[in-house]
PDB file of N, CA and C in Angstrom:
ATOM      1  N   MET A   1      -3.373 -21.693 -21.260  1.00  0.00           N
ATOM      2  CA  MET A   1      -3.641 -20.328 -21.613  1.00  0.00           C
ATOM      3  C   MET A   1      -3.407 -19.453 -20.377  1.00  0.00           C
ATOM      4  N   ASP A   2      -2.848 -18.304 -20.591  1.00  0.00           N
ATOM      5  CA  ASP A   2      -2.571 -17.377 -19.491  1.00  0.00           C
ATOM      6  C   ASP A   2      -3.748 -16.440 -19.283  1.00  0.00           C
ATOM      7  N   ILE A   3      -4.022 -16.131 -18.025  1.00  0.00           N
ATOM      8  CA  ILE A   3      -4.981 -15.085 -17.690  1.00  0.00           C
ATOM      9  C   ILE A   3      -4.301 -14.127 -16.721  1.00  0.00           C
ATOM     10  N   ILE A   4      -4.639 -12.850 -16.822  1.00  0.00           N
ATOM     11  CA  ILE A   4      -3.993 -11.805 -16.035  1.00  0.00           C
ATOM     12  C   ILE A   4      -5.053 -11.049 -15.247  1.00  0.00           C
ATOM     13  N   ASN A   5      -4.804 -10.836 -13.958  1.00  0.00           N
ATOM     14  CA  ASN A   5      -5.687 -10.052 -13.104  1.00  0.00           C
ATOM     15  C   ASN A   5      -5.399  -8.576 -13.372  1.00  0.00           C
ATOM     16  N   LYS A   6      -6.355  -7.849 -13.936  1.00  0.00           N
ATOM     17  CA  LYS A   6      -6.184  -6.439 -14.278  1.00  0.00           C
ATOM     18  C   LYS A   6      -6.687  -5.506 -13.188  1.00  0.00           C
ATOM     19  N   THR A   7      -7.182  -6.031 -12.068  1.00  0.00           N
ATOM     20  CA  THR A   7      -7.707  -5.197 -10.999  1.00  0.00           C
ATOM     21  C   THR A   7      -6.625  -4.906  -9.968  1.00  0.00           C
ATOM     22  N   LYS A   8      -6.940  -4.033  -9.029  1.00  0.00           N
ATOM     23  CA  LYS A   8      -6.018  -3.694  -7.945  1.00  0.00           C
ATOM     24  C   LYS A   8      -6.319  -4.491  -6.674  1.00  0.00           C
ATOM     25  N   LYS A   9      -7.127  -5.542  -6.805  1.00  0.00           N
ATOM     26  CA  LYS A   9      -7.471  -6.381  -5.651  1.00  0.00           C
ATOM     27  C   LYS A   9      -7.293  -7.846  -6.028  1.00  0.00           C
ATOM     28  N   PRO A  10      -7.049  -8.708  -5.052  1.00  0.00           N
ATOM     29  CA  PRO A  10      -6.924 -10.135  -5.358  1.00  0.00           C
ATOM     30  C   PRO A  10      -8.265 -10.715  -5.797  1.00  0.00           C
ATOM     31  N   LEU A  11      -8.229 -11.666  -6.723  1.00  0.00           N
ATOM     32  CA  LEU A  11      -9.443 -12.293  -7.238  1.00  0.00           C
ATOM     33  C   LEU A  11      -9.453 -13.782  -6.913  1.00  0.00           C
ATOM     34  N   ARG A  12     -10.641 -14.298  -6.676  1.00  0.00           N
ATOM     35  CA  ARG A  12     -10.869 -15.728  -6.522  1.00  0.00           C
ATOM     36  C   ARG A  12     -11.690 -16.140  -7.739  1.00  0.00           C
ATOM     37  N   ILE A  13     -11.058 -16.801  -8.691  1.00  0.00           N
ATOM     38  CA  ILE A  13     -11.684 -17.111  -9.973  1.00  0.00           C
ATOM     39  C   ILE A  13     -12.219 -18.539  -9.948  1.00  0.00           C
ATOM     40  N   PRO A  14     -13.547 -18.706 -10.125  1.00  0.00           N
ATOM     41  CA  PRO A  14     -14.122 -20.057 -10.139  1.00  0.00           C
ATOM     42  C   PRO A  14     -13.786 -20.781 -11.443  1.00  0.00           C
ATOM     43  N   LEU A  15     -13.380 -22.050 -11.295  1.00  0.00           N
ATOM     44  CA  LEU A  15     -13.032 -22.880 -12.437  1.00  0.00           C
ATOM     45  C   LEU A  15     -13.947 -24.094 -12.490  1.00  0.00           C
ATOM     46  N   PRO A  16     -14.005 -24.782 -13.622  1.00  0.00           N
ATOM     47  CA  PRO A  16     -14.823 -25.998 -13.706  1.00  0.00           C
ATOM     48  C   PRO A  16     -14.373 -27.040 -12.682  1.00  0.00           C
ATOM     49  N   GLY A  17     -15.299 -27.852 -12.232  1.00  0.00           N
ATOM     50  CA  GLY A  17     -14.975 -28.899 -11.269  1.00  0.00           C
ATOM     51  C   GLY A  17     -14.952 -28.403  -9.838  1.00  0.00           C
ATOM     52  N   GLY A  18     -15.463 -27.198  -9.589  1.00  0.00           N
ATOM     53  CA  GLY A  18     -15.496 -26.666  -8.233  1.00  0.00           C
ATOM     54  C   GLY A  18     -14.163 -26.126  -7.740  1.00  0.00           C
ATOM     55  N   LYS A  19     -13.177 -26.008  -8.606  1.00  0.00           N
ATOM     56  CA  LYS A  19     -11.872 -25.486  -8.210  1.00  0.00           C
ATOM     57  C   LYS A  19     -11.854 -23.971  -8.309  1.00  0.00           C
ATOM     58  N   LYS A  20     -10.881 -23.351  -7.646  1.00  0.00           N
ATOM     59  CA  LYS A  20     -10.735 -21.895  -7.675  1.00  0.00           C
ATOM     60  C   LYS A  20      -9.278 -21.550  -7.920  1.00  0.00           C
ATOM     61  N   LEU A  21      -9.074 -20.467  -8.652  1.00  0.00           N
ATOM     62  CA  LEU A  21      -7.741 -19.939  -8.893  1.00  0.00           C
ATOM     63  C   LEU A  21      -7.655 -18.597  -8.188  1.00  0.00           C
ATOM     64  N   PHE A  22      -6.664 -18.441  -7.320  1.00  0.00           N
ATOM     65  CA  PHE A  22      -6.464 -17.197  -6.593  1.00  0.00           C
ATOM     66  C   PHE A  22      -5.371 -16.410  -7.294  1.00  0.00           C
ATOM     67  N   LEU A  23      -5.724 -15.182  -7.736  1.00  0.00           N
ATOM     68  CA  LEU A  23      -4.768 -14.328  -8.438  1.00  0.00           C
ATOM     69  C   LEU A  23      -4.640 -12.994  -7.731  1.00  0.00           C
ATOM     70  N   GLY A  24      -3.415 -12.616  -7.411  1.00  0.00           N
ATOM     71  CA  GLY A  24      -3.167 -11.318  -6.809  1.00  0.00           C
ATOM     72  C   GLY A  24      -3.245 -10.223  -7.862  1.00  0.00           C
ATOM     73  N   PRO A  25      -3.216  -8.961  -7.439  1.00  0.00           N
ATOM     74  CA  PRO A  25      -3.289  -7.846  -8.385  1.00  0.00           C
ATOM     75  C   PRO A  25      -2.141  -7.874  -9.390  1.00  0.00           C
ATOM     76  N   GLY A  26      -2.477  -7.844 -10.671  1.00  0.00           N
ATOM     77  CA  GLY A  26      -1.470  -7.837 -11.726  1.00  0.00           C
ATOM     78  C   GLY A  26      -0.786  -9.163 -11.969  1.00  0.00           C
ATOM     79  N   LYS A  27      -1.185 -10.217 -11.284  1.00  0.00           N
ATOM     80  CA  LYS A  27      -0.538 -11.518 -11.416  1.00  0.00           C
ATOM     81  C   LYS A  27      -1.132 -12.324 -12.563  1.00  0.00           C
ATOM     82  N   THR A  28      -0.383 -13.319 -13.009  1.00  0.00           N
ATOM     83  CA  THR A  28      -0.774 -14.168 -14.124  1.00  0.00           C
ATOM     84  C   THR A  28      -0.962 -15.596 -13.639  1.00  0.00           C
ATOM     85  N   GLY A  29      -1.965 -16.271 -14.186  1.00  0.00           N
ATOM     86  CA  GLY A  29      -2.211 -17.673 -13.887  1.00  0.00           C
ATOM     87  C   GLY A  29      -2.477 -18.427 -15.172  1.00  0.00           C
ATOM     88  N   GLN A  30      -2.478 -19.752 -15.085  1.00  0.00           N
ATOM     89  CA  GLN A  30      -2.718 -20.554 -16.271  1.00  0.00           C
ATOM     90  C   GLN A  30      -3.963 -21.406 -16.090  1.00  0.00           C
ATOM     91  N   VAL A  31      -4.783 -21.438 -17.124  1.00  0.00           N
ATOM     92  CA  VAL A  31      -5.975 -22.274 -17.160  1.00  0.00           C
ATOM     93  C   VAL A  31      -6.035 -22.925 -18.538  1.00  0.00           C
ATOM     94  N   ASN A  32      -6.829 -23.990 -18.658  1.00  0.00           N
ATOM     95  CA  ASN A  32      -6.965 -24.621 -19.969  1.00  0.00           C
ATOM     96  C   ASN A  32      -8.083 -23.950 -20.763  1.00  0.00           C
ATOM     97  N   ALA A  33      -8.221 -24.329 -22.025  1.00  0.00           N
ATOM     98  CA  ALA A  33      -9.211 -23.709 -22.907  1.00  0.00           C
ATOM     99  C   ALA A  33     -10.634 -23.961 -22.419  1.00  0.00           C
ATOM    100  N   LYS A  34     -10.863 -25.133 -21.814  1.00  0.00           N
ATOM    101  CA  LYS A  34     -12.193 -25.458 -21.300  1.00  0.00           C
ATOM    102  C   LYS A  34     -12.588 -24.490 -20.180  1.00  0.00           C
ATOM    103  N   ALA A  35     -11.634 -24.109 -19.351  1.00  0.00           N
ATOM    104  CA  ALA A  35     -11.913 -23.199 -18.244  1.00  0.00           C
ATOM    105  C   ALA A  35     -12.295 -21.808 -18.750  1.00  0.00           C
ATOM    106  N   LEU A  36     -11.739 -21.389 -19.879  1.00  0.00           N
ATOM    107  CA  LEU A  36     -12.082 -20.071 -20.425  1.00  0.00           C
ATOM    108  C   LEU A  36     -13.537 -20.012 -20.869  1.00  0.00           C
ATOM    109  N   GLN A  37     -14.123 -21.161 -21.187  1.00  0.00           N
ATOM    110  CA  GLN A  37     -15.530 -21.208 -21.598  1.00  0.00           C
ATOM    111  C   GLN A  37     -16.477 -21.293 -20.402  1.00  0.00           C
ATOM    112  N   HIS A  38     -15.937 -21.497 -19.192  1.00  0.00           N
ATOM    113  CA  HIS A  38     -16.746 -21.601 -17.975  1.00  0.00           C
ATOM    114  C   HIS A  38     -17.452 -20.253 -17.741  1.00  0.00           C
ATOM    115  N   PRO A  39     -18.790 -20.246 -17.583  1.00  0.00           N
ATOM    116  CA  PRO A  39     -19.541 -18.978 -17.509  1.00  0.00           C
ATOM    117  C   PRO A  39     -19.031 -17.962 -16.478  1.00  0.00           C
ATOM    118  N   PRO A  40     -18.696 -18.352 -15.228  1.00  0.00           N
ATOM    119  CA  PRO A  40     -18.208 -17.318 -14.299  1.00  0.00           C
ATOM    120  C   PRO A  40     -16.896 -16.675 -14.748  1.00  0.00           C
ATOM    121  N   LEU A  41     -15.992 -17.457 -15.330  1.00  0.00           N
ATOM    122  CA  LEU A  41     -14.726 -16.899 -15.804  1.00  0.00           C
ATOM    123  C   LEU A  41     -14.953 -16.049 -17.056  1.00  0.00           C
ATOM    124  N   ALA A  42     -15.833 -16.496 -17.948  1.00  0.00           N
ATOM    125  CA  ALA A  42     -16.151 -15.722 -19.147  1.00  0.00           C
ATOM    126  C   ALA A  42     -16.743 -14.365 -18.769  1.00  0.00           C
ATOM    127  N   LYS A  43     -17.533 -14.343 -17.697  1.00  0.00           N
ATOM    128  CA  LYS A  43     -18.128 -13.091 -17.220  1.00  0.00           C
ATOM    129  C   LYS A  43     -17.043 -12.116 -16.746  1.00  0.00           C
ATOM    130  N   LEU A  44     -16.021 -12.634 -16.034  1.00  0.00           N
ATOM    131  CA  LEU A  44     -14.916 -11.788 -15.576  1.00  0.00           C
ATOM    132  C   LEU A  44     -14.102 -11.246 -16.750  1.00  0.00           C
ATOM    133  N   VAL A  45     -13.924 -12.067 -17.792  1.00  0.00           N
ATOM    134  CA  VAL A  45     -13.180 -11.630 -18.977  1.00  0.00           C
ATOM    135  C   VAL A  45     -13.955 -10.521 -19.691  1.00  0.00           C
ATOM    136  N   GLU A  46     -15.266 -10.695 -19.827  1.00  0.00           N
ATOM    137  CA  GLU A  46     -16.093  -9.676 -20.497  1.00  0.00           C
ATOM    138  C   GLU A  46     -16.120  -8.366 -19.711  1.00  0.00           C
ATOM    139  N   ALA A  47     -16.097  -8.463 -18.374  1.00  0.00           N
ATOM    140  CA  ALA A  47     -16.118  -7.264 -17.537  1.00  0.00           C
ATOM    141  C   ALA A  47     -14.781  -6.524 -17.566  1.00  0.00           C
ATOM    142  N   GLY A  48     -13.720  -7.192 -18.011  1.00  0.00           N
ATOM    143  CA  GLY A  48     -12.404  -6.557 -18.065  1.00  0.00           C
ATOM    144  C   GLY A  48     -11.588  -6.737 -16.807  1.00  0.00           C
ATOM    145  N   ASP A  49     -12.106  -7.489 -15.822  1.00  0.00           N
ATOM    146  CA  ASP A  49     -11.341  -7.744 -14.597  1.00  0.00           C
ATOM    147  C   ASP A  49     -10.181  -8.692 -14.865  1.00  0.00           C
ATOM    148  N   VAL A  50     -10.371  -9.599 -15.809  1.00  0.00           N
ATOM    149  CA  VAL A  50      -9.363 -10.589 -16.164  1.00  0.00           C
ATOM    150  C   VAL A  50      -9.142 -10.511 -17.668  1.00  0.00           C
ATOM    151  N   GLU A  51      -7.881 -10.603 -18.081  1.00  0.00           N
ATOM    152  CA  GLU A  51      -7.549 -10.595 -19.501  1.00  0.00           C
ATOM    153  C   GLU A  51      -6.954 -11.937 -19.883  1.00  0.00           C
ATOM    154  N   SER A  52      -7.399 -12.465 -20.993  1.00  0.00           N
ATOM    155  CA  SER A  52      -6.861 -13.723 -21.499  1.00  0.00           C
ATOM    156  C   SER A  52      -5.659 -13.404 -22.360  1.00  0.00           C
ATOM    157  N   GLY A  53      -4.497 -13.916 -21.965  1.00  0.00           N
ATOM    158  CA  GLY A  53      -3.261 -13.620 -22.684  1.00  0.00           C
ATOM    159  C   GLY A  53      -2.960 -14.597 -23.797  1.00  0.00           C
ATOM    160  N   GLY A  54      -3.842 -15.531 -24.095  1.00  0.00           N
ATOM    161  CA  GLY A  54      -3.599 -16.510 -25.157  1.00  0.00           C
ATOM    162  C   GLY A  54      -2.778 -17.675 -24.662  1.00  0.00           C
ATOM    163  N   THR A  55      -2.105 -18.356 -25.554  1.00  0.00           N
ATOM    164  CA  THR A  55      -1.329 -19.529 -25.194  1.00  0.00           C
ATOM    165  C   THR A  55       0.049 -19.125 -24.714  1.00  0.00           C
ATOM    166  N   THR A  56       0.677 -20.013 -23.982  1.00  0.00           N
ATOM    167  CA  THR A  56       2.034 -19.768 -23.512  1.00  0.00           C
ATOM    168  C   THR A  56       2.997 -20.294 -24.563  1.00  0.00           C
ATOM    169  N   ALA A  57       3.854 -19.428 -25.086  1.00  0.00           N
ATOM    170  CA  ALA A  57       4.781 -19.822 -26.141  1.00  0.00           C
ATOM    171  C   ALA A  57       5.914 -20.683 -25.587  1.00  0.00           C
ATOM    172  N   ALA A  58       6.559 -20.221 -24.532  1.00  0.00           N
ATOM    173  CA  ALA A  58       7.669 -20.977 -23.948  1.00  0.00           C
ATOM    174  C   ALA A  58       7.663 -20.772 -22.446  1.00  0.00           C
ATOM    175  N   ARG A  59       7.941 -21.819 -21.721  1.00  0.00           N
ATOM    176  CA  ARG A  59       7.968 -21.715 -20.263  1.00  0.00           C
ATOM    177  C   ARG A  59       9.385 -21.436 -19.812  1.00  0.00           C
ATOM    178  N   GLN A  60       9.514 -20.718 -18.722  1.00  0.00           N
ATOM    179  CA  GLN A  60      10.817 -20.388 -18.174  1.00  0.00           C
ATOM    180  C   GLN A  60      11.303 -21.520 -17.286  1.00  0.00           C
ATOM    181  N   GLY A  61      12.184 -22.377 -17.793  1.00  0.00           N
ATOM    182  CA  GLY A  61      12.760 -23.457 -16.998  1.00  0.00           C
ATOM    183  C   GLY A  61      11.710 -24.406 -16.458  1.00  0.00           C
ATOM    184  N   GLY A  62      12.126 -25.434 -15.751  1.00  0.00           N
ATOM    185  CA  GLY A  62      11.195 -26.372 -15.150  1.00  0.00           C
ATOM    186  C   GLY A  62      10.497 -27.225 -16.183  1.00  0.00           C
ATOM    187  N   GLY A  63       9.540 -28.004 -15.737  1.00  0.00           N
ATOM    188  CA  GLY A  63       8.778 -28.837 -16.642  1.00  0.00           C
ATOM    189  C   GLY A  63       9.485 -30.132 -16.959  1.00  0.00           C
ATOM    190  N   THR A  64       8.954 -30.856 -17.925  1.00  0.00           N
ATOM    191  CA  THR A  64       9.565 -32.106 -18.342  1.00  0.00           C
ATOM    192  C   THR A  64       9.678 -32.123 -19.857  1.00  0.00           C
ATOM    193  N   ASP A  65      10.638 -32.884 -20.364  1.00  0.00           N
ATOM    194  CA  ASP A  65      10.729 -33.040 -21.810  1.00  0.00           C
ATOM    195  C   ASP A  65       9.820 -34.183 -22.242  1.00  0.00           C
ATOM    196  N   LYS A  66       9.858 -34.534 -23.525  1.00  0.00           N
ATOM    197  CA  LYS A  66       8.943 -35.545 -24.047  1.00  0.00           C
ATOM    198  C   LYS A  66       9.179 -36.917 -23.435  1.00  0.00           C
ATOM    199  N   GLY A  67      10.362 -37.178 -22.929  1.00  0.00           N
ATOM    200  CA  GLY A  67      10.668 -38.474 -22.327  1.00  0.00           C
ATOM    201  C   GLY A  67      10.264 -38.539 -20.861  1.00  0.00           C
ATOM    202  N   GLY A  68       9.738 -37.447 -20.308  1.00  0.00           N
ATOM    203  CA  GLY A  68       9.334 -37.424 -18.910  1.00  0.00           C
ATOM    204  C   GLY A  68      10.466 -37.067 -17.958  1.00  0.00           C
ATOM    205  N   HIS A  69      11.601 -36.652 -18.501  1.00  0.00           N
ATOM    206  CA  HIS A  69      12.732 -36.286 -17.662  1.00  0.00           C
ATOM    207  C   HIS A  69      12.653 -34.813 -17.307  1.00  0.00           C
ATOM    208  N   SER A  70      13.055 -34.480 -16.117  1.00  0.00           N
ATOM    209  CA  SER A  70      13.015 -33.096 -15.662  1.00  0.00           C
ATOM    210  C   SER A  70      14.036 -32.268 -16.429  1.00  0.00           C
ATOM    211  N   THR A  71      13.613 -31.088 -16.892  1.00  0.00           N
ATOM    212  CA  THR A  71      14.519 -30.205 -17.619  1.00  0.00           C
ATOM    213  C   THR A  71      14.842 -28.955 -16.827  1.00  0.00           C
ATOM    214  N   GLY A  72      14.280 -28.812 -15.624  1.00  0.00           N
ATOM    215  CA  GLY A  72      14.452 -27.597 -14.841  1.00  0.00           C
ATOM    216  C   GLY A  72      15.760 -27.574 -14.075  1.00  0.00           C
ATOM    217  N   LEU A  73      16.032 -26.442 -13.485  1.00  0.00           N
ATOM    218  CA  LEU A  73      17.229 -26.291 -12.678  1.00  0.00           C
ATOM    219  C   LEU A  73      17.039 -26.988 -11.338  1.00  0.00           C
ATOM    220  N   ARG A  74      18.092 -27.576 -10.838  1.00  0.00           N
ATOM    221  CA  ARG A  74      18.006 -28.229  -9.530  1.00  0.00           C
ATOM    222  C   ARG A  74      18.559 -27.286  -8.477  1.00  0.00           C
ATOM    223  N   HIS A  75      17.799 -27.078  -7.443  1.00  0.00           N
ATOM    224  CA  HIS A  75      18.227 -26.201  -6.363  1.00  0.00           C
ATOM    225  C   HIS A  75      18.426 -27.031  -5.109  1.00  0.00           C
ATOM    226  N   GLY A  76      19.593 -26.903  -4.507  1.00  0.00           N
ATOM    227  CA  GLY A  76      19.842 -27.539  -3.228  1.00  0.00           C
ATOM    228  C   GLY A  76      20.058 -29.041  -3.299  1.00  0.00           C
ATOM    229  N   THR A  77      20.406 -29.601  -4.443  1.00  0.00           N
ATOM    230  CA  THR A  77      20.658 -31.030  -4.508  1.00  0.00           C
ATOM    231  C   THR A  77      22.154 -31.280  -4.447  1.00  0.00           C
ATOM    232  N   THR A  78      22.522 -32.367  -3.811  1.00  0.00           N
ATOM    233  CA  THR A  78      23.929 -32.703  -3.678  1.00  0.00           C
ATOM    234  C   THR A  78      24.329 -33.844  -4.596  1.00  0.00           C
ATOM    235  N   GLY A  79      23.362 -34.495  -5.214  1.00  0.00           N
ATOM    236  CA  GLY A  79      23.674 -35.610  -6.082  1.00  0.00           C
ATOM    237  C   GLY A  79      23.593 -36.937  -5.372  1.00  0.00           C
ATOM    238  N   ALA A  80      23.511 -36.927  -4.034  1.00  0.00           N
ATOM    239  CA  ALA A  80      23.425 -38.159  -3.262  1.00  0.00           C
ATOM    240  C   ALA A  80      22.007 -38.676  -3.226  1.00  0.00           C
ATOM    241  N   MET A  81      21.848 -39.982  -3.201  1.00  0.00           N
ATOM    242  CA  MET A  81      20.521 -40.582  -3.117  1.00  0.00           C
ATOM    243  C   MET A  81      19.953 -40.370  -1.721  1.00  0.00           C
ATOM    244  N   ARG A  82      18.678 -40.195  -1.649  1.00  0.00           N
ATOM    245  CA  ARG A  82      18.006 -40.048  -0.348  1.00  0.00           C
ATOM    246  C   ARG A  82      17.837 -41.420   0.269  1.00  0.00           C
ATOM    247  N   GLN A  83      18.195 -41.531   1.537  1.00  0.00           N
ATOM    248  CA  GLN A  83      18.100 -42.817   2.203  1.00  0.00           C
ATOM    249  C   GLN A  83      16.657 -43.106   2.608  1.00  0.00           C
ATOM    250  N   SER A  84      16.299 -44.367   2.509  1.00  0.00           N
ATOM    251  CA  SER A  84      14.984 -44.778   2.952  1.00  0.00           C
ATOM    252  C   SER A  84      15.086 -46.172   3.538  1.00  0.00           C
ATOM    253  N   GLY A  85      14.056 -46.572   4.266  1.00  0.00           N
ATOM    254  CA  GLY A  85      14.041 -47.905   4.855  1.00  0.00           C
ATOM    255  C   GLY A  85      14.755 -47.953   6.191  1.00  0.00           C
ATOM    256  N   ASP A  86      15.049 -49.152   6.668  1.00  0.00           N
ATOM    257  CA  ASP A  86      15.721 -49.337   7.951  1.00  0.00           C
ATOM    258  C   ASP A  86      17.174 -48.934   7.849  1.00  0.00           C
ATOM    259  N   ARG A  87      17.682 -48.380   8.937  1.00  0.00           N
ATOM    260  CA  ARG A  87      19.085 -47.935   8.943  1.00  0.00           C
ATOM    261  C   ARG A  87      19.836 -48.656  10.013  1.00  0.00           C
TER     262      ARG A  87
END
């Protein structure tokens, strides 16, 4: 689920498990449905500092397909295998 910082200042949003999400002014971040029920985040949503944008319909490039293969664009790759081990 997407959340959007509606304030003019950066926010440090507390998430379950002691984690934090840092969002700049007007920026968007992603959290799961469980995090939206977390009381500190719910308080920010009710205050209007953060807006819940719902689910993400489609992601822009990147990610993996159902087989676990990368579907994103490759930047800076030459196609050669990376060497490892003794040379």
